[in-house]
Protein backbone atom coordinates (compact mmCIF):
# COMPACT_ATOMS: atom_id res chain seq x y z
CA MET A 1 107.03 76.65 103.82
CA THR A 2 106.73 79.31 101.17
CA THR A 3 105.12 82.50 102.38
CA TRP A 4 102.71 84.51 100.30
CA ASN A 5 105.36 87.15 99.60
CA GLU A 6 107.86 84.54 98.42
CA LEU A 7 105.70 83.14 95.61
CA PRO A 8 107.07 83.60 92.10
CA ALA A 9 105.91 86.85 90.52
CA HIS A 10 104.08 85.12 87.65
CA LEU A 11 101.93 83.18 90.15
CA VAL A 12 101.19 86.24 92.27
CA SER A 13 100.11 88.27 89.25
CA LYS A 14 97.92 85.38 88.01
CA ILE A 15 96.32 84.96 91.44
CA ARG A 16 95.69 88.69 91.78
CA SER A 17 94.30 88.94 88.27
CA ASP A 18 91.93 86.04 88.97
CA SER A 19 90.71 87.78 92.15
CA VAL A 20 91.55 84.81 94.33
CA THR A 21 92.12 85.43 98.04
CA ALA A 22 95.23 83.90 99.57
CA PRO A 23 94.56 80.76 101.61
CA ALA A 24 94.13 81.48 105.31
CA ASN A 25 96.92 79.11 106.28
CA LEU A 26 99.69 81.10 104.58
CA PRO A 27 101.71 83.25 106.97
CA GLY A 28 101.13 86.97 106.71
CA THR A 29 97.71 86.64 105.12
CA GLU A 30 94.42 87.71 106.54
CA SER A 31 91.60 85.37 105.72
CA LYS A 32 88.25 86.47 104.38
CA LEU A 33 85.75 83.76 105.17
CA LYS A 34 82.34 83.41 103.63
CA TYR A 35 80.14 84.10 106.66
CA GLY A 36 82.22 86.82 108.32
CA ASN A 37 83.86 84.48 110.83
CA ARG A 38 87.53 84.95 111.67
CA VAL A 39 90.21 82.29 111.76
CA THR A 40 91.36 82.00 115.38
CA GLU A 41 94.39 80.20 116.76
CA VAL A 42 94.51 78.42 120.14
CA ASP A 43 97.44 76.25 121.28
CA GLY A 44 98.88 76.45 117.75
CA ILE A 45 95.65 75.05 116.26
CA ARG A 46 93.79 77.12 113.68
CA PHE A 47 90.00 77.15 113.98
CA ASP A 48 87.59 78.44 111.34
CA SER A 49 85.74 80.62 113.83
CA GLU A 50 86.03 82.24 117.24
CA LYS A 51 83.05 80.16 118.37
CA GLU A 52 84.86 76.92 117.54
CA ALA A 53 88.04 78.14 119.26
CA ASP A 54 86.07 79.15 122.37
CA TYR A 55 84.46 75.72 122.54
CA TYR A 56 87.88 74.07 122.21
CA TRP A 57 89.09 76.26 125.07
CA GLN A 58 86.13 75.05 127.21
CA LEU A 59 87.00 71.44 126.38
CA HIS A 60 90.62 72.15 127.26
CA TRP A 61 89.57 73.28 130.74
CA MET A 62 87.24 70.30 131.12
CA MET A 63 90.23 68.04 130.38
CA ARG A 64 92.24 69.79 133.09
CA GLU A 65 89.34 69.28 135.53
CA GLY A 66 89.15 65.61 134.59
CA THR A 67 85.57 65.57 133.29
CA VAL A 68 86.78 65.09 129.70
CA LYS A 69 89.34 62.41 128.91
CA GLU A 70 90.03 63.03 125.22
CA VAL A 71 89.20 65.47 122.42
CA GLU A 72 89.59 64.64 118.74
CA LEU A 73 89.41 67.41 116.16
CA GLN A 74 87.51 67.07 112.89
CA PRO A 75 86.27 63.46 113.14
CA LYS A 76 85.14 62.24 109.73
CA PHE A 77 81.97 60.33 108.81
CA VAL A 78 81.41 58.82 105.38
CA LEU A 79 77.75 59.45 104.61
CA GLN A 80 77.87 57.92 101.15
CA PRO A 81 80.86 56.08 99.70
CA GLY A 82 82.45 57.15 96.45
CA TYR A 83 81.63 55.23 93.30
CA LYS A 84 82.17 55.16 89.55
CA ARG A 85 79.56 55.97 86.95
CA ASP A 86 80.14 56.07 83.20
CA GLY A 87 83.88 55.80 83.85
CA LYS A 88 83.93 58.85 86.13
CA LYS A 89 84.80 58.80 89.81
CA ILE A 90 82.12 60.29 92.04
CA ARG A 91 83.55 61.49 95.34
CA PRO A 92 82.12 60.28 98.63
CA ILE A 93 79.89 62.53 100.73
CA ILE A 94 81.77 63.23 103.95
CA TYR A 95 80.68 65.02 107.07
CA ARG A 96 83.26 66.42 109.49
CA ALA A 97 82.14 67.35 112.96
CA ASP A 98 84.21 69.90 114.87
CA PHE A 99 84.92 67.71 117.90
CA LYS A 100 84.71 64.16 119.16
CA VAL A 101 84.63 64.30 122.96
CA THR A 102 85.28 61.34 125.25
CA GLU A 103 84.14 62.01 128.80
CA ALA A 104 85.87 60.55 131.88
CA ASP A 105 83.19 57.83 132.16
CA GLY A 106 83.81 56.77 128.52
CA HIS A 107 80.70 58.38 127.00
CA ILE A 108 81.41 59.76 123.52
CA TYR A 109 79.63 62.64 121.87
CA TYR A 110 80.21 64.76 118.78
CA VAL A 111 79.90 68.52 118.62
CA ASP A 112 79.47 70.95 115.76
CA THR A 113 79.76 74.65 116.49
CA LYS A 114 77.72 76.49 113.91
CA GLY A 115 77.05 80.16 113.59
CA MET A 116 75.29 79.72 110.25
CA ARG A 117 73.29 76.57 109.50
CA THR A 118 73.51 76.28 105.73
CA GLN A 119 71.30 74.04 103.60
CA VAL A 120 74.27 71.77 102.89
CA TYR A 121 74.93 71.44 106.62
CA MET A 122 71.28 70.62 107.35
CA ILE A 123 71.20 67.92 104.64
CA LYS A 124 74.46 66.36 105.85
CA LYS A 125 73.20 66.45 109.44
CA LYS A 126 70.05 64.57 108.38
CA MET A 127 72.16 61.99 106.55
CA LEU A 128 74.47 61.64 109.58
CA LEU A 129 71.62 61.07 112.03
CA TYR A 130 69.96 58.61 109.66
CA LYS A 131 73.11 56.56 109.06
CA TYR A 132 74.28 56.72 112.70
CA PRO A 133 71.03 56.74 114.72
CA ASP A 134 72.70 56.02 118.07
CA ILE A 135 75.22 58.85 117.85
CA ASP A 136 75.17 61.55 120.53
CA PHE A 137 75.36 64.64 118.33
CA ARG A 138 75.27 68.15 119.74
CA GLU A 139 75.20 71.60 118.21
CA GLU A 140 76.75 74.53 120.04
């Protein structure tokens, strides 16, 4: 993987002149996220916030205790499929929860850890609950 410091000089100068921040996943970079949250790493997994990482850590302990059987990261829900209009592709509307949790008894629930509930999040949550009315969805 190319590190930030190994990028060709013409790219670095272009990026700096365009005032673009380096992606958080490049080694040696410090991320600046929109709502002041900090990228946090647990078990080699990068989380967008400390809150999300802390919840993962709780789930990790619940797995060790045996109350949680499985944890899936970033499960995806298609809220509206993509389509074409006037020859242009319109992308699907996708919602990604933070966690899909399967308890020891087989019950499945989905969790989103939010510090800031944006308008986009609230609209997607409404669409999710409408399209999947039987889903057990939790906010932490």
